[in-house]
Amino acid sequence: MSFDIPTVAEIQLAAERGQRITQDDVSAIAQAESALTGRGPSRGGPAATAQSLSMRQMNFENKVAEVSRKPSSAISVEDAEEIQATEGRAFNQPPGVGYISAQVRSIADSNDALGLTAAADVPAYITKDDARDAQHAEASVYGGQNPRGGMAAQMQASGDVELCCDDS
């Protein structure tokens, strides 16, 4: 009986060339390796290598999906660094020009140069004193009344803003 099991080097080379390693591939390699050795896949062998690269590729695909759900103006340099790191691990080599990480890096660098992601990365915290000051300023503009739906009311009701504890 002949078993056609790729070597560790062949599996790594396939990944470097962009081949996706699926769980079906991992299963087939593991079964063939088990039949050949009679004791299951070996540590650091073809099945283990295929499993590792398959998981890295799934992590990369998940990271790409996560970043692609963001508006392009919200893609940060940190997103680009994470994509680049996971892409390098997924395909067993540093990504180059034309790779997904290069495209994400270009978008992130443009956003950074324009200052688009700086405000999106920092959560806004408004203390009770901040809200009180806004209510006071608004009331002085509107003759002692705070209009319904005014800026002070929006500061307190906004889902994007967290009310923080009193500074005292």
N, C-alpha and C. Protein backbone atom coordinates (compact mmCIF):
# COMPACT_ATOMS: atom_id res chain seq x y z
N MET A 1 0.84 -1.18 0.00
CA MET A 1 0.00 0.00 0.00
C MET A 1 0.89 1.24 0.00
N SER A 2 0.59 2.19 -0.86
CA SER A 2 1.38 3.41 -1.00
C SER A 2 0.62 4.59 -0.42
N PHE A 3 1.33 5.43 0.33
CA PHE A 3 0.74 6.61 0.92
C PHE A 3 1.43 7.84 0.33
N ASP A 4 0.63 8.74 -0.16
CA ASP A 4 1.16 9.97 -0.75
C ASP A 4 0.98 11.09 0.26
N ILE A 5 1.92 11.19 1.20
CA ILE A 5 1.86 12.22 2.24
C ILE A 5 2.86 13.30 1.88
N PRO A 6 2.41 14.56 1.83
CA PRO A 6 3.36 15.63 1.55
C PRO A 6 4.32 15.79 2.73
N THR A 7 5.51 16.22 2.45
CA THR A 7 6.48 16.48 3.51
C THR A 7 6.14 17.80 4.19
N VAL A 8 6.75 18.04 5.32
CA VAL A 8 6.56 19.31 6.02
C VAL A 8 6.98 20.46 5.12
N ALA A 9 8.11 20.30 4.42
CA ALA A 9 8.60 21.36 3.53
C ALA A 9 7.62 21.62 2.39
N GLU A 10 7.01 20.57 1.85
CA GLU A 10 6.03 20.74 0.78
C GLU A 10 4.78 21.47 1.26
N ILE A 11 4.35 21.17 2.47
CA ILE A 11 3.17 21.84 3.04
C ILE A 11 3.48 23.33 3.27
N GLN A 12 4.65 23.61 3.80
CA GLN A 12 5.04 25.00 4.03
C GLN A 12 5.17 25.76 2.71
N LEU A 13 5.75 25.12 1.71
CA LEU A 13 5.89 25.76 0.40
C LEU A 13 4.52 26.04 -0.22
N ALA A 14 3.59 25.09 -0.07
CA ALA A 14 2.24 25.31 -0.60
C ALA A 14 1.59 26.53 0.06
N ALA A 15 1.76 26.66 1.37
CA ALA A 15 1.22 27.82 2.09
C ALA A 15 1.88 29.11 1.62
N GLU A 16 3.19 29.08 1.43
CA GLU A 16 3.91 30.26 0.96
C GLU A 16 3.43 30.70 -0.42
N ARG A 17 2.98 29.76 -1.20
CA ARG A 17 2.47 30.08 -2.54
C ARG A 17 1.00 30.48 -2.51
N GLY A 18 0.41 30.55 -1.33
CA GLY A 18 -0.95 31.04 -1.20
C GLY A 18 -2.02 29.97 -1.14
N GLN A 19 -1.64 28.70 -1.10
CA GLN A 19 -2.64 27.63 -1.05
C GLN A 19 -3.30 27.60 0.32
N ARG A 20 -4.62 27.53 0.32
CA ARG A 20 -5.38 27.38 1.55
C ARG A 20 -5.32 25.93 1.99
N ILE A 21 -5.08 25.72 3.26
CA ILE A 21 -5.05 24.37 3.82
C ILE A 21 -6.32 24.21 4.64
N THR A 22 -7.22 23.36 4.15
CA THR A 22 -8.52 23.19 4.78
C THR A 22 -8.47 22.11 5.85
N GLN A 23 -9.51 22.03 6.64
CA GLN A 23 -9.60 20.96 7.64
C GLN A 23 -9.71 19.59 6.96
N ASP A 24 -10.30 19.54 5.77
CA ASP A 24 -10.34 18.28 5.01
C ASP A 24 -8.93 17.86 4.64
N ASP A 25 -8.08 18.80 4.24
CA ASP A 25 -6.69 18.50 3.92
C ASP A 25 -5.98 17.95 5.16
N VAL A 26 -6.18 18.61 6.29
CA VAL A 26 -5.55 18.19 7.54
C VAL A 26 -5.99 16.78 7.90
N SER A 27 -7.28 16.52 7.78
CA SER A 27 -7.82 15.20 8.11
C SER A 27 -7.23 14.11 7.21
N ALA A 28 -7.16 14.39 5.91
CA ALA A 28 -6.61 13.40 4.97
C ALA A 28 -5.14 13.12 5.28
N ILE A 29 -4.38 14.15 5.55
CA ILE A 29 -2.95 13.97 5.87
C ILE A 29 -2.80 13.20 7.17
N ALA A 30 -3.61 13.53 8.18
CA ALA A 30 -3.53 12.85 9.48
C ALA A 30 -3.88 11.37 9.34
N GLN A 31 -4.91 11.06 8.56
CA GLN A 31 -5.29 9.66 8.37
C GLN A 31 -4.19 8.88 7.66
N ALA A 32 -3.62 9.47 6.63
CA ALA A 32 -2.55 8.80 5.89
C ALA A 32 -1.31 8.63 6.77
N GLU A 33 -1.00 9.65 7.55
CA GLU A 33 0.16 9.56 8.45
C GLU A 33 -0.08 8.50 9.52
N SER A 34 -1.29 8.42 10.04
CA SER A 34 -1.63 7.40 11.04
C SER A 34 -1.52 6.00 10.45
N ALA A 35 -2.02 5.82 9.25
CA ALA A 35 -1.95 4.51 8.60
C ALA A 35 -0.50 4.11 8.32
N LEU A 36 0.33 5.07 7.99
CA LEU A 36 1.73 4.80 7.69
C LEU A 36 2.53 4.47 8.94
N THR A 37 2.32 5.25 10.00
CA THR A 37 3.10 5.07 11.22
C THR A 37 2.51 4.02 12.15
N GLY A 38 1.20 3.82 12.04
CA GLY A 38 0.53 2.88 12.93
C GLY A 38 0.30 3.43 14.33
N ARG A 39 0.64 4.64 14.57
CA ARG A 39 0.45 5.21 15.92
C ARG A 39 -0.10 6.63 15.90
N GLY A 40 -0.48 7.13 14.77
CA GLY A 40 -1.05 8.47 14.69
C GLY A 40 -0.05 9.47 14.20
N PRO A 41 -0.51 10.70 14.01
CA PRO A 41 0.37 11.76 13.52
C PRO A 41 1.51 12.03 14.51
N SER A 42 2.66 12.35 13.98
CA SER A 42 3.81 12.62 14.84
C SER A 42 3.94 14.12 15.11
N ARG A 43 4.52 14.41 16.24
CA ARG A 43 4.75 15.80 16.64
C ARG A 43 5.70 16.44 15.64
N GLY A 44 5.29 17.59 15.07
CA GLY A 44 6.11 18.29 14.10
C GLY A 44 6.08 17.67 12.71
N GLY A 45 5.22 16.69 12.52
CA GLY A 45 5.13 16.02 11.24
C GLY A 45 4.19 16.74 10.28
N PRO A 46 3.90 16.09 9.15
CA PRO A 46 3.05 16.73 8.14
C PRO A 46 1.65 17.10 8.64
N ALA A 47 1.01 16.23 9.39
CA ALA A 47 -0.35 16.53 9.86
C ALA A 47 -0.33 17.70 10.85
N ALA A 48 0.65 17.71 11.74
CA ALA A 48 0.76 18.80 12.72
C ALA A 48 1.04 20.13 12.02
N THR A 49 1.91 20.09 11.02
CA THR A 49 2.23 21.30 10.26
C THR A 49 1.01 21.81 9.51
N ALA A 50 0.30 20.88 8.87
CA ALA A 50 -0.91 21.26 8.13
C ALA A 50 -1.95 21.85 9.08
N GLN A 51 -2.13 21.24 10.25
CA GLN A 51 -3.10 21.74 11.23
C GLN A 51 -2.71 23.15 11.69
N SER A 52 -1.45 23.36 11.98
CA SER A 52 -0.99 24.66 12.44
C SER A 52 -1.22 25.74 11.38
N LEU A 53 -0.84 25.45 10.14
CA LEU A 53 -1.03 26.43 9.07
C LEU A 53 -2.51 26.67 8.78
N SER A 54 -3.31 25.62 8.87
CA SER A 54 -4.75 25.77 8.65
C SER A 54 -5.36 26.71 9.69
N MET A 55 -4.98 26.54 10.95
CA MET A 55 -5.50 27.40 12.02
C MET A 55 -5.02 28.84 11.83
N ARG A 56 -3.78 29.02 11.43
CA ARG A 56 -3.25 30.37 11.19
C ARG A 56 -4.00 31.04 10.05
N GLN A 57 -4.31 30.27 9.01
CA GLN A 57 -5.06 30.83 7.88
C GLN A 57 -6.48 31.21 8.29
N MET A 58 -7.10 30.38 9.14
CA MET A 58 -8.45 30.74 9.63
C MET A 58 -8.39 31.99 10.49
N ASN A 59 -7.35 32.13 11.33
CA ASN A 59 -7.20 33.35 12.14
C ASN A 59 -7.04 34.58 11.24
N PHE A 60 -6.27 34.45 10.18
CA PHE A 60 -6.09 35.54 9.23
C PHE A 60 -7.42 35.90 8.58
N GLU A 61 -8.15 34.91 8.11
CA GLU A 61 -9.44 35.17 7.47
C GLU A 61 -10.41 35.84 8.42
N ASN A 62 -10.40 35.43 9.70
CA ASN A 62 -11.26 36.06 10.70
C ASN A 62 -10.86 37.52 10.94
N LYS A 63 -9.56 37.79 10.99
CA LYS A 63 -9.09 39.16 11.20
C LYS A 63 -9.46 40.04 10.00
N VAL A 64 -9.32 39.50 8.78
CA VAL A 64 -9.70 40.26 7.58
C VAL A 64 -11.19 40.56 7.62
N ALA A 65 -12.00 39.57 8.01
CA ALA A 65 -13.45 39.78 8.08
C ALA A 65 -13.79 40.86 9.11
N GLU A 66 -13.10 40.83 10.25
CA GLU A 66 -13.34 41.82 11.31
C GLU A 66 -13.01 43.24 10.82
N VAL A 67 -11.88 43.40 10.18
CA VAL A 67 -11.46 44.72 9.71
C VAL A 67 -12.34 45.17 8.54
N SER A 68 -12.75 44.25 7.69
CA SER A 68 -13.55 44.63 6.52
C SER A 68 -14.96 45.10 6.90
N ARG A 69 -15.40 44.79 8.12
CA ARG A 69 -16.71 45.28 8.58
C ARG A 69 -16.65 46.75 9.00
N LYS A 70 -15.46 47.27 9.20
CA LYS A 70 -15.29 48.67 9.59
C LYS A 70 -15.45 49.57 8.37
N PRO A 71 -15.92 50.79 8.57
CA PRO A 71 -15.85 51.74 7.46
C PRO A 71 -14.38 52.00 7.14
N SER A 72 -14.07 52.24 5.90
CA SER A 72 -12.66 52.40 5.53
C SER A 72 -12.00 53.55 6.28
N SER A 73 -12.75 54.57 6.64
CA SER A 73 -12.17 55.70 7.36
C SER A 73 -11.82 55.36 8.81
N ALA A 74 -12.25 54.20 9.31
CA ALA A 74 -11.97 53.81 10.68
C ALA A 74 -10.85 52.78 10.77
N ILE A 75 -10.25 52.41 9.65
CA ILE A 75 -9.17 51.42 9.67
C ILE A 75 -7.90 52.11 10.15
N SER A 76 -7.32 51.56 11.21
CA SER A 76 -6.17 52.18 11.86
C SER A 76 -4.87 51.47 11.52
N VAL A 77 -3.78 52.11 11.90
CA VAL A 77 -2.46 51.52 11.71
C VAL A 77 -2.36 50.23 12.52
N GLU A 78 -2.99 50.19 13.69
CA GLU A 78 -2.99 48.98 14.50
C GLU A 78 -3.70 47.84 13.77
N ASP A 79 -4.81 48.14 13.09
CA ASP A 79 -5.50 47.13 12.29
C ASP A 79 -4.56 46.59 11.22
N ALA A 80 -3.84 47.48 10.56
CA ALA A 80 -2.92 47.08 9.49
C ALA A 80 -1.80 46.20 10.05
N GLU A 81 -1.29 46.55 11.22
CA GLU A 81 -0.23 45.74 11.84
C GLU A 81 -0.73 44.34 12.19
N GLU A 82 -1.96 44.26 12.71
CA GLU A 82 -2.53 42.95 13.04
C GLU A 82 -2.75 42.11 11.79
N ILE A 83 -3.25 42.72 10.74
CA ILE A 83 -3.47 42.01 9.48
C ILE A 83 -2.13 41.50 8.94
N GLN A 84 -1.12 42.36 8.96
CA GLN A 84 0.19 41.98 8.44
C GLN A 84 0.78 40.81 9.23
N ALA A 85 0.67 40.86 10.54
CA ALA A 85 1.22 39.78 11.37
C ALA A 85 0.48 38.46 11.12
N THR A 86 -0.85 38.51 11.08
CA THR A 86 -1.59 37.26 10.87
C THR A 86 -1.41 36.74 9.46
N GLU A 87 -1.27 37.63 8.47
CA GLU A 87 -1.04 37.17 7.09
C GLU A 87 0.33 36.51 6.97
N GLY A 88 1.33 37.07 7.62
CA GLY A 88 2.66 36.47 7.59
C GLY A 88 2.67 35.08 8.20
N ARG A 89 1.97 34.91 9.32
CA ARG A 89 1.89 33.59 9.95
C ARG A 89 1.07 32.61 9.10
N ALA A 90 0.01 33.11 8.48
CA ALA A 90 -0.88 32.24 7.71
C ALA A 90 -0.19 31.65 6.48
N PHE A 91 0.69 32.42 5.88
CA PHE A 91 1.31 31.96 4.64
C PHE A 91 2.81 31.74 4.79
N ASN A 92 3.26 31.68 6.05
CA ASN A 92 4.61 31.24 6.37
C ASN A 92 5.71 32.11 5.76
N GLN A 93 5.41 33.38 5.53
CA GLN A 93 6.40 34.32 5.00
C GLN A 93 5.88 35.74 5.18
N PRO A 94 6.78 36.71 5.22
CA PRO A 94 6.32 38.10 5.33
C PRO A 94 5.54 38.50 4.08
N PRO A 95 4.38 39.14 4.26
CA PRO A 95 3.61 39.57 3.09
C PRO A 95 4.31 40.70 2.36
N GLY A 96 4.12 40.74 1.05
CA GLY A 96 4.76 41.77 0.24
C GLY A 96 3.74 42.65 -0.46
N VAL A 97 4.20 43.33 -1.48
CA VAL A 97 3.36 44.21 -2.28
C VAL A 97 2.26 43.38 -2.93
N GLY A 98 1.05 43.89 -2.94
CA GLY A 98 -0.06 43.19 -3.55
C GLY A 98 -0.81 42.28 -2.60
N TYR A 99 -0.31 42.08 -1.40
CA TYR A 99 -1.00 41.27 -0.41
C TYR A 99 -2.09 42.11 0.26
N ILE A 100 -3.01 41.44 0.92
CA ILE A 100 -4.11 42.13 1.61
C ILE A 100 -3.56 43.12 2.63
N SER A 101 -2.54 42.71 3.37
CA SER A 101 -2.01 43.60 4.40
C SER A 101 -1.43 44.89 3.80
N ALA A 102 -0.89 44.81 2.60
CA ALA A 102 -0.37 46.03 1.95
C ALA A 102 -1.50 46.98 1.61
N GLN A 103 -2.62 46.43 1.18
CA GLN A 103 -3.78 47.27 0.86
C GLN A 103 -4.35 47.91 2.12
N VAL A 104 -4.45 47.13 3.19
CA VAL A 104 -4.96 47.66 4.46
C VAL A 104 -4.00 48.71 5.00
N ARG A 105 -2.70 48.46 4.88
CA ARG A 105 -1.70 49.42 5.34
C ARG A 105 -1.83 50.75 4.60
N SER A 106 -2.09 50.69 3.31
CA SER A 106 -2.26 51.91 2.51
C SER A 106 -3.45 52.72 3.00
N ILE A 107 -4.56 52.05 3.25
CA ILE A 107 -5.76 52.73 3.77
C ILE A 107 -5.47 53.32 5.15
N ALA A 108 -4.83 52.53 6.02
CA ALA A 108 -4.54 52.99 7.38
C ALA A 108 -3.59 54.18 7.38
N ASP A 109 -2.57 54.14 6.53
CA ASP A 109 -1.63 55.26 6.46
C ASP A 109 -2.33 56.54 5.98
N SER A 110 -3.23 56.40 5.02
CA SER A 110 -3.99 57.57 4.55
C SER A 110 -4.86 58.12 5.67
N ASN A 111 -5.54 57.23 6.39
CA ASN A 111 -6.38 57.66 7.50
C ASN A 111 -5.56 58.35 8.58
N ASP A 112 -4.39 57.79 8.86
CA ASP A 112 -3.52 58.36 9.89
C ASP A 112 -3.04 59.75 9.46
N ALA A 113 -2.65 59.88 8.20
CA ALA A 113 -2.18 61.18 7.70
C ALA A 113 -3.28 62.23 7.76
N LEU A 114 -4.51 61.80 7.55
CA LEU A 114 -5.64 62.73 7.59
C LEU A 114 -6.20 62.91 9.00
N GLY A 115 -5.72 62.12 9.94
CA GLY A 115 -6.20 62.21 11.32
C GLY A 115 -7.58 61.63 11.51
N LEU A 116 -8.00 60.70 10.65
CA LEU A 116 -9.36 60.17 10.73
C LEU A 116 -9.57 59.17 11.84
N THR A 117 -8.56 58.39 12.20
CA THR A 117 -8.78 57.32 13.17
C THR A 117 -8.46 57.72 14.60
N ALA A 118 -7.81 58.84 14.81
CA ALA A 118 -7.42 59.22 16.16
C ALA A 118 -8.61 59.34 17.10
N ALA A 119 -9.67 60.01 16.66
CA ALA A 119 -10.84 60.18 17.52
C ALA A 119 -11.63 58.89 17.65
N ALA A 120 -11.61 58.04 16.65
CA ALA A 120 -12.38 56.80 16.70
C ALA A 120 -11.77 55.81 17.67
N ASP A 121 -10.46 55.90 17.92
CA ASP A 121 -9.79 54.93 18.78
C ASP A 121 -9.88 55.27 20.26
N VAL A 122 -10.30 56.49 20.60
CA VAL A 122 -10.31 56.93 21.98
C VAL A 122 -11.75 57.05 22.46
N PRO A 123 -12.11 56.29 23.50
CA PRO A 123 -13.48 56.43 24.00
C PRO A 123 -13.67 57.78 24.68
N ALA A 124 -14.86 58.32 24.56
CA ALA A 124 -15.17 59.61 25.17
C ALA A 124 -15.76 59.37 26.55
N TYR A 125 -15.23 60.04 27.54
CA TYR A 125 -15.75 59.93 28.90
C TYR A 125 -16.23 61.31 29.32
N ILE A 126 -17.43 61.35 29.81
CA ILE A 126 -18.00 62.60 30.28
C ILE A 126 -18.35 62.41 31.74
N THR A 127 -17.79 63.27 32.57
CA THR A 127 -18.08 63.20 34.00
C THR A 127 -19.39 63.94 34.28
N LYS A 128 -19.88 63.76 35.46
CA LYS A 128 -21.08 64.48 35.88
C LYS A 128 -20.83 65.99 35.84
N ASP A 129 -19.61 66.39 36.19
CA ASP A 129 -19.27 67.82 36.14
C ASP A 129 -19.31 68.34 34.71
N ASP A 130 -18.83 67.55 33.75
CA ASP A 130 -18.89 67.95 32.34
C ASP A 130 -20.34 68.14 31.90
N ALA A 131 -21.19 67.20 32.27
CA ALA A 131 -22.60 67.29 31.90
C ALA A 131 -23.26 68.50 32.56
N ARG A 132 -22.92 68.73 33.82
CA ARG A 132 -23.48 69.89 34.55
C ARG A 132 -23.02 71.19 33.88
N ASP A 133 -21.76 71.31 33.51
CA ASP A 133 -21.24 72.50 32.84
C ASP A 133 -21.95 72.72 31.50
N ALA A 134 -22.18 71.64 30.76
CA ALA A 134 -22.87 71.76 29.47
C ALA A 134 -24.30 72.22 29.68
N GLN A 135 -24.97 71.69 30.71
CA GLN A 135 -26.35 72.11 30.99
C GLN A 135 -26.37 73.60 31.38
N HIS A 136 -25.40 74.02 32.19
CA HIS A 136 -25.35 75.42 32.61
C HIS A 136 -25.14 76.34 31.40
N ALA A 137 -24.19 75.98 30.54
CA ALA A 137 -23.91 76.81 29.36
C ALA A 137 -25.11 76.86 28.42
N GLU A 138 -25.76 75.74 28.27
CA GLU A 138 -26.93 75.69 27.38
C GLU A 138 -28.08 76.51 27.97
N ALA A 139 -28.28 76.40 29.27
CA ALA A 139 -29.36 77.16 29.92
C ALA A 139 -29.13 78.66 29.81
N SER A 140 -27.88 79.10 29.91
CA SER A 140 -27.62 80.53 29.79
C SER A 140 -27.89 81.04 28.38
N VAL A 141 -27.71 80.20 27.37
CA VAL A 141 -27.98 80.59 25.99
C VAL A 141 -29.48 80.65 25.74
N TYR A 142 -30.24 79.72 26.36
CA TYR A 142 -31.67 79.62 26.09
C TYR A 142 -32.52 80.23 27.22
N GLY A 143 -32.02 81.19 27.92
CA GLY A 143 -32.82 81.91 28.91
C GLY A 143 -33.23 81.07 30.10
N GLY A 144 -32.33 80.26 30.62
CA GLY A 144 -32.60 79.47 31.82
C GLY A 144 -33.27 78.13 31.55
N GLN A 145 -33.53 77.83 30.33
CA GLN A 145 -34.18 76.55 29.98
C GLN A 145 -33.21 75.68 29.16
N ASN A 146 -33.31 74.39 29.38
CA ASN A 146 -32.57 73.44 28.54
C ASN A 146 -33.55 72.82 27.55
N PRO A 147 -33.34 73.08 26.27
CA PRO A 147 -34.28 72.53 25.28
C PRO A 147 -34.22 71.00 25.22
N ARG A 148 -35.39 70.43 24.99
CA ARG A 148 -35.48 68.98 24.83
C ARG A 148 -34.65 68.60 23.60
N GLY A 149 -33.77 67.61 23.75
CA GLY A 149 -32.92 67.16 22.65
C GLY A 149 -31.72 68.06 22.43
N GLY A 150 -31.44 68.95 23.37
CA GLY A 150 -30.28 69.84 23.24
C GLY A 150 -28.97 69.07 23.41
N MET A 151 -27.88 69.82 23.26
CA MET A 151 -26.56 69.20 23.33
C MET A 151 -26.32 68.52 24.68
N ALA A 152 -26.71 69.15 25.78
CA ALA A 152 -26.50 68.56 27.10
C ALA A 152 -27.28 67.25 27.23
N ALA A 153 -28.51 67.23 26.72
CA ALA A 153 -29.31 66.01 26.77
C ALA A 153 -28.69 64.92 25.91
N GLN A 154 -28.16 65.32 24.75
CA GLN A 154 -27.51 64.34 23.87
C GLN A 154 -26.25 63.78 24.51
N MET A 155 -25.53 64.61 25.24
CA MET A 155 -24.31 64.13 25.91
C MET A 155 -24.66 63.04 26.91
N GLN A 156 -25.78 63.20 27.60
CA GLN A 156 -26.16 62.22 28.61
C GLN A 156 -26.79 60.98 28.01
N ALA A 157 -27.46 61.12 26.87
CA ALA A 157 -28.21 60.01 26.31
C ALA A 157 -27.47 59.25 25.22
N SER A 158 -26.39 59.79 24.72
CA SER A 158 -25.68 59.17 23.61
C SER A 158 -25.14 57.81 23.99
N GLY A 159 -25.30 56.83 23.11
CA GLY A 159 -24.74 55.51 23.32
C GLY A 159 -23.24 55.48 23.14
N ASP A 160 -22.68 56.51 22.49
CA ASP A 160 -21.24 56.55 22.23
C ASP A 160 -20.48 57.12 23.40
N VAL A 161 -21.18 57.70 24.36
CA VAL A 161 -20.54 58.39 25.46
C VAL A 161 -20.86 57.65 26.74
N GLU A 162 -19.85 57.47 27.58
CA GLU A 162 -20.07 56.82 28.86
C GLU A 162 -20.04 57.87 29.95
N LEU A 163 -21.03 57.85 30.81
CA LEU A 163 -21.01 58.74 31.96
C LEU A 163 -20.10 58.11 32.99
N CYS A 164 -19.20 58.89 33.45
CA CYS A 164 -18.22 58.39 34.42
C CYS A 164 -18.55 58.94 35.79
N CYS A 165 -17.90 58.42 36.72
CA CYS A 165 -18.13 58.79 38.11
C CYS A 165 -17.82 60.25 38.36
N ASP A 166 -18.30 60.76 39.49
CA ASP A 166 -18.05 62.13 39.89
C ASP A 166 -16.57 62.27 40.25
N ASP A 167 -15.98 63.41 39.96
CA ASP A 167 -14.55 63.62 40.22
C ASP A 167 -14.23 63.78 41.70
N SER A 168 -15.22 63.86 42.54
CA SER A 168 -14.94 64.10 43.97
C SER A 168 -14.62 62.83 44.71
